[in-house]
Amino acid sequence: MTRPPLQRTRFNGLIEQLGSRLLGWLGSRWLNKSVALIALFLGAYSAANVTSLYLNLLRVQTLGALGLLLFFEALIRLRQRYAAPEPGLVWIALDNFRIGFLYLIVLEAFKLGS
């Protein structure tokens, strides 16, 4: 006896999309994977340096944080406007840089207790 096909729900679409992305990532070239991973690590490394230098050199840390927020918001707007539905390697690297950077900034904020 065969199982009936799954209904077209949003959850089923999400599961199919995640599965196709995972299989696409596993089948991609090693260059794409390594550049994406290096960009993620470079974002985290630069965030560690920026928090110790940039925000401490400014007397007003809120203005420094606002400047970083505006910079990354501009990156997001540029990506939405100019990137194709299947983004290229440069856009993937920029996204991973941004993710690594913001992850470490949030981690530093939790360590400081703010």
N, C-alpha and C. Protein backbone atom coordinates (compact mmCIF):
# COMPACT_ATOMS: atom_id res chain seq x y z
N MET A 1 0.84 -1.17 0.00
CA MET A 1 0.00 0.00 0.00
C MET A 1 0.89 1.24 0.00
N THR A 2 0.59 2.18 -0.85
CA THR A 2 1.41 3.39 -0.95
C THR A 2 0.81 4.51 -0.12
N ARG A 3 1.70 5.37 0.34
CA ARG A 3 1.24 6.51 1.13
C ARG A 3 0.76 7.60 0.21
N PRO A 4 -0.29 8.32 0.60
CA PRO A 4 -0.74 9.45 -0.23
C PRO A 4 0.28 10.57 -0.16
N PRO A 5 0.36 11.41 -1.18
CA PRO A 5 1.33 12.52 -1.15
C PRO A 5 0.96 13.52 -0.05
N LEU A 6 1.99 14.20 0.43
CA LEU A 6 1.78 15.20 1.47
C LEU A 6 1.04 16.40 0.91
N GLN A 7 0.28 17.04 1.77
CA GLN A 7 -0.44 18.24 1.34
C GLN A 7 0.53 19.39 1.14
N ARG A 8 0.16 20.34 0.33
CA ARG A 8 1.00 21.50 0.07
C ARG A 8 0.77 22.54 1.17
N THR A 9 1.43 22.36 2.29
CA THR A 9 1.35 23.33 3.38
C THR A 9 2.63 24.15 3.43
N ARG A 10 2.61 25.21 4.21
CA ARG A 10 3.81 26.03 4.34
C ARG A 10 4.93 25.25 5.03
N PHE A 11 4.56 24.43 6.00
CA PHE A 11 5.57 23.64 6.70
C PHE A 11 6.20 22.63 5.75
N ASN A 12 5.40 21.98 4.93
CA ASN A 12 5.93 21.02 3.97
C ASN A 12 6.84 21.73 2.96
N GLY A 13 6.45 22.92 2.52
CA GLY A 13 7.30 23.69 1.62
C GLY A 13 8.62 24.08 2.27
N LEU A 14 8.57 24.42 3.56
CA LEU A 14 9.79 24.77 4.30
C LEU A 14 10.72 23.57 4.41
N ILE A 15 10.16 22.39 4.70
CA ILE A 15 10.97 21.17 4.81
C ILE A 15 11.60 20.83 3.46
N GLU A 16 10.84 20.96 2.39
CA GLU A 16 11.40 20.69 1.06
C GLU A 16 12.50 21.68 0.70
N GLN A 17 12.30 22.95 1.04
CA GLN A 17 13.31 23.96 0.74
C GLN A 17 14.58 23.73 1.55
N LEU A 18 14.44 23.38 2.83
CA LEU A 18 15.62 23.09 3.64
C LEU A 18 16.37 21.86 3.12
N GLY A 19 15.63 20.85 2.71
CA GLY A 19 16.26 19.66 2.16
C GLY A 19 17.00 19.94 0.86
N SER A 20 16.39 20.74 0.00
CA SER A 20 17.06 21.06 -1.26
C SER A 20 18.28 21.93 -1.04
N ARG A 21 18.23 22.84 -0.07
CA ARG A 21 19.41 23.66 0.23
C ARG A 21 20.53 22.83 0.84
N LEU A 22 20.17 21.89 1.70
CA LEU A 22 21.20 21.03 2.30
C LEU A 22 21.85 20.16 1.24
N LEU A 23 21.05 19.57 0.37
CA LEU A 23 21.62 18.76 -0.70
C LEU A 23 22.41 19.62 -1.69
N GLY A 24 21.94 20.84 -1.92
CA GLY A 24 22.69 21.74 -2.79
C GLY A 24 24.02 22.14 -2.19
N TRP A 25 24.04 22.33 -0.86
CA TRP A 25 25.29 22.69 -0.20
C TRP A 25 26.27 21.52 -0.23
N LEU A 26 25.76 20.31 -0.02
CA LEU A 26 26.63 19.14 -0.05
C LEU A 26 27.18 18.89 -1.45
N GLY A 27 26.43 19.24 -2.46
CA GLY A 27 26.87 19.00 -3.83
C GLY A 27 27.63 20.16 -4.45
N SER A 28 27.80 21.25 -3.70
CA SER A 28 28.49 22.41 -4.27
C SER A 28 30.00 22.20 -4.26
N ARG A 29 30.70 23.09 -4.95
CA ARG A 29 32.15 22.98 -5.04
C ARG A 29 32.79 23.35 -3.71
N TRP A 30 33.99 22.82 -3.48
CA TRP A 30 34.68 23.10 -2.23
C TRP A 30 35.08 24.56 -2.13
N LEU A 31 35.27 25.23 -3.27
CA LEU A 31 35.62 26.65 -3.27
C LEU A 31 34.51 27.47 -2.63
N ASN A 32 33.27 27.20 -3.01
CA ASN A 32 32.14 27.94 -2.44
C ASN A 32 32.03 27.72 -0.94
N LYS A 33 32.20 26.47 -0.52
CA LYS A 33 32.09 26.17 0.91
C LYS A 33 33.20 26.83 1.70
N SER A 34 34.43 26.77 1.18
CA SER A 34 35.55 27.32 1.93
C SER A 34 35.50 28.84 1.98
N VAL A 35 35.10 29.50 0.89
CA VAL A 35 34.99 30.95 0.91
C VAL A 35 33.91 31.39 1.88
N ALA A 36 32.78 30.68 1.90
CA ALA A 36 31.70 31.01 2.82
C ALA A 36 32.15 30.84 4.28
N LEU A 37 32.85 29.78 4.56
CA LEU A 37 33.31 29.54 5.93
C LEU A 37 34.38 30.54 6.35
N ILE A 38 35.31 30.86 5.46
CA ILE A 38 36.34 31.85 5.76
C ILE A 38 35.70 33.22 5.99
N ALA A 39 34.70 33.58 5.20
CA ALA A 39 34.01 34.86 5.39
C ALA A 39 33.31 34.91 6.73
N LEU A 40 32.74 33.80 7.15
CA LEU A 40 32.09 33.73 8.46
C LEU A 40 33.10 33.96 9.58
N PHE A 41 34.24 33.31 9.48
CA PHE A 41 35.28 33.48 10.50
C PHE A 41 35.90 34.87 10.47
N LEU A 42 36.09 35.44 9.28
CA LEU A 42 36.63 36.79 9.18
C LEU A 42 35.66 37.82 9.78
N GLY A 43 34.37 37.59 9.61
CA GLY A 43 33.39 38.48 10.22
C GLY A 43 33.47 38.44 11.73
N ALA A 44 33.61 37.25 12.29
CA ALA A 44 33.72 37.12 13.74
C ALA A 44 35.03 37.73 14.24
N TYR A 45 36.12 37.50 13.51
CA TYR A 45 37.41 38.05 13.91
C TYR A 45 37.41 39.57 13.87
N SER A 46 36.85 40.13 12.81
CA SER A 46 36.82 41.59 12.71
C SER A 46 35.89 42.20 13.75
N ALA A 47 34.84 41.49 14.12
CA ALA A 47 33.95 42.00 15.17
C ALA A 47 34.66 42.06 16.51
N ALA A 48 35.50 41.07 16.78
CA ALA A 48 36.25 41.09 18.03
C ALA A 48 37.20 42.29 18.07
N ASN A 49 37.79 42.61 16.93
CA ASN A 49 38.69 43.75 16.88
C ASN A 49 37.93 45.07 16.90
N VAL A 50 36.80 45.12 16.22
CA VAL A 50 36.03 46.37 16.16
C VAL A 50 35.49 46.73 17.52
N THR A 51 35.02 45.75 18.27
CA THR A 51 34.46 46.07 19.59
C THR A 51 35.54 46.60 20.52
N SER A 52 36.77 46.11 20.39
CA SER A 52 37.81 46.60 21.29
C SER A 52 38.42 47.92 20.82
N LEU A 53 38.44 48.18 19.54
CA LEU A 53 39.07 49.40 19.04
C LEU A 53 38.07 50.51 18.72
N TYR A 54 37.19 50.23 17.78
CA TYR A 54 36.29 51.26 17.25
C TYR A 54 35.35 51.80 18.32
N LEU A 55 34.72 50.91 19.06
CA LEU A 55 33.73 51.38 20.03
C LEU A 55 34.39 52.01 21.25
N ASN A 56 35.60 51.61 21.60
CA ASN A 56 36.28 52.21 22.75
C ASN A 56 36.98 53.52 22.40
N LEU A 57 37.37 53.70 21.13
CA LEU A 57 37.98 54.97 20.74
C LEU A 57 36.96 56.10 20.71
N LEU A 58 35.73 55.75 20.35
CA LEU A 58 34.66 56.75 20.38
C LEU A 58 34.24 56.97 21.83
N ARG A 59 34.01 58.21 22.18
CA ARG A 59 33.57 58.49 23.55
C ARG A 59 32.11 58.09 23.75
N VAL A 60 31.36 58.08 22.67
CA VAL A 60 29.95 57.72 22.76
C VAL A 60 29.77 56.39 22.02
N GLN A 61 29.67 55.30 22.78
CA GLN A 61 29.56 53.97 22.17
C GLN A 61 28.25 53.79 21.42
N THR A 62 27.20 54.51 21.80
CA THR A 62 25.93 54.33 21.10
C THR A 62 26.02 54.84 19.67
N LEU A 63 26.80 55.90 19.45
CA LEU A 63 26.97 56.39 18.08
C LEU A 63 27.78 55.39 17.25
N GLY A 64 28.76 54.75 17.86
CA GLY A 64 29.53 53.72 17.16
C GLY A 64 28.67 52.53 16.79
N ALA A 65 27.83 52.11 17.72
CA ALA A 65 26.93 50.99 17.45
C ALA A 65 25.90 51.38 16.38
N LEU A 66 25.46 52.63 16.41
CA LEU A 66 24.52 53.10 15.39
C LEU A 66 25.19 53.13 14.02
N GLY A 67 26.44 53.53 13.96
CA GLY A 67 27.18 53.52 12.69
C GLY A 67 27.32 52.12 12.13
N LEU A 68 27.63 51.15 13.00
CA LEU A 68 27.72 49.76 12.54
C LEU A 68 26.38 49.24 12.06
N LEU A 69 25.33 49.59 12.78
CA LEU A 69 23.99 49.17 12.38
C LEU A 69 23.62 49.73 11.01
N LEU A 70 23.91 51.00 10.78
CA LEU A 70 23.60 51.62 9.49
C LEU A 70 24.43 51.01 8.36
N PHE A 71 25.68 50.68 8.65
CA PHE A 71 26.53 50.04 7.64
C PHE A 71 25.96 48.70 7.21
N PHE A 72 25.57 47.88 8.16
CA PHE A 72 25.04 46.57 7.82
C PHE A 72 23.65 46.65 7.21
N GLU A 73 22.88 47.63 7.61
CA GLU A 73 21.57 47.83 6.99
C GLU A 73 21.74 48.24 5.53
N ALA A 74 22.75 49.05 5.24
CA ALA A 74 23.03 49.42 3.85
C ALA A 74 23.45 48.19 3.04
N LEU A 75 24.24 47.30 3.64
CA LEU A 75 24.61 46.05 2.96
C LEU A 75 23.39 45.21 2.63
N ILE A 76 22.46 45.14 3.56
CA ILE A 76 21.24 44.36 3.34
C ILE A 76 20.42 44.98 2.20
N ARG A 77 20.30 46.30 2.19
CA ARG A 77 19.53 46.96 1.13
C ARG A 77 20.18 46.77 -0.23
N LEU A 78 21.51 46.84 -0.28
CA LEU A 78 22.20 46.60 -1.55
C LEU A 78 21.99 45.19 -2.04
N ARG A 79 22.01 44.23 -1.13
CA ARG A 79 21.81 42.84 -1.53
C ARG A 79 20.41 42.63 -2.08
N GLN A 80 19.41 43.21 -1.42
CA GLN A 80 18.04 43.06 -1.89
C GLN A 80 17.86 43.67 -3.28
N ARG A 81 18.57 44.74 -3.55
CA ARG A 81 18.39 45.43 -4.82
C ARG A 81 19.17 44.79 -5.97
N TYR A 82 20.41 44.36 -5.71
CA TYR A 82 21.29 43.97 -6.80
C TYR A 82 21.56 42.47 -6.91
N ALA A 83 21.26 41.69 -5.88
CA ALA A 83 21.56 40.26 -5.95
C ALA A 83 20.45 39.53 -6.69
N ALA A 84 20.84 38.50 -7.41
CA ALA A 84 19.89 37.66 -8.14
C ALA A 84 19.22 36.69 -7.16
N PRO A 85 18.16 36.00 -7.59
CA PRO A 85 17.55 35.00 -6.70
C PRO A 85 18.55 33.91 -6.26
N GLU A 86 19.47 33.55 -7.13
CA GLU A 86 20.57 32.66 -6.75
C GLU A 86 21.82 33.53 -6.64
N PRO A 87 22.17 33.98 -5.42
CA PRO A 87 23.27 34.94 -5.29
C PRO A 87 24.62 34.30 -5.63
N GLY A 88 25.52 35.14 -6.08
CA GLY A 88 26.85 34.69 -6.43
C GLY A 88 27.72 34.52 -5.20
N LEU A 89 28.95 34.15 -5.44
CA LEU A 89 29.88 33.86 -4.36
C LEU A 89 30.20 35.11 -3.54
N VAL A 90 30.26 36.26 -4.18
CA VAL A 90 30.57 37.50 -3.45
C VAL A 90 29.44 37.83 -2.48
N TRP A 91 28.20 37.68 -2.92
CA TRP A 91 27.08 37.99 -2.02
C TRP A 91 27.00 36.99 -0.88
N ILE A 92 27.30 35.73 -1.15
CA ILE A 92 27.31 34.73 -0.08
C ILE A 92 28.40 35.04 0.93
N ALA A 93 29.57 35.46 0.44
CA ALA A 93 30.66 35.82 1.34
C ALA A 93 30.29 37.04 2.18
N LEU A 94 29.65 38.04 1.57
CA LEU A 94 29.22 39.22 2.33
C LEU A 94 28.17 38.87 3.37
N ASP A 95 27.24 37.99 3.01
CA ASP A 95 26.23 37.56 3.97
C ASP A 95 26.86 36.83 5.15
N ASN A 96 27.80 35.94 4.86
CA ASN A 96 28.44 35.20 5.94
C ASN A 96 29.32 36.11 6.79
N PHE A 97 29.97 37.08 6.18
CA PHE A 97 30.74 38.06 6.95
C PHE A 97 29.82 38.81 7.91
N ARG A 98 28.68 39.24 7.39
CA ARG A 98 27.72 39.98 8.22
C ARG A 98 27.18 39.11 9.35
N ILE A 99 26.88 37.85 9.06
CA ILE A 99 26.36 36.96 10.09
C ILE A 99 27.39 36.72 11.17
N GLY A 100 28.63 36.45 10.78
CA GLY A 100 29.69 36.24 11.77
C GLY A 100 29.94 37.48 12.61
N PHE A 101 29.93 38.65 11.97
CA PHE A 101 30.16 39.91 12.68
C PHE A 101 29.07 40.16 13.70
N LEU A 102 27.82 40.05 13.26
CA LEU A 102 26.71 40.35 14.18
C LEU A 102 26.58 39.30 15.28
N TYR A 103 26.91 38.06 14.96
CA TYR A 103 26.87 37.01 15.99
C TYR A 103 27.84 37.34 17.11
N LEU A 104 29.06 37.73 16.76
CA LEU A 104 30.04 38.01 17.80
C LEU A 104 29.70 39.29 18.55
N ILE A 105 29.10 40.26 17.90
CA ILE A 105 28.67 41.48 18.61
C ILE A 105 27.62 41.14 19.66
N VAL A 106 26.66 40.30 19.28
CA VAL A 106 25.62 39.90 20.24
C VAL A 106 26.24 39.06 21.35
N LEU A 107 27.18 38.21 21.02
CA LEU A 107 27.85 37.41 22.04
C LEU A 107 28.61 38.29 23.02
N GLU A 108 29.28 39.32 22.52
CA GLU A 108 29.98 40.26 23.40
C GLU A 108 28.99 41.01 24.30
N ALA A 109 27.84 41.36 23.75
CA ALA A 109 26.84 42.06 24.57
C ALA A 109 26.33 41.16 25.69
N PHE A 110 26.15 39.88 25.42
CA PHE A 110 25.72 38.97 26.48
C PHE A 110 26.82 38.75 27.51
N LYS A 111 28.07 38.74 27.07
CA LYS A 111 29.17 38.59 28.02
C LYS A 111 29.28 39.80 28.93
N LEU A 112 29.00 40.98 28.38
CA LEU A 112 29.07 42.20 29.19
C LEU A 112 27.84 42.36 30.06
N GLY A 113 26.77 41.65 29.77
CA GLY A 113 25.56 41.73 30.58
C GLY A 113 24.67 42.90 30.24
N SER A 114 24.79 43.39 29.02
CA SER A 114 23.93 44.54 28.65
C SER A 114 22.86 44.11 27.70
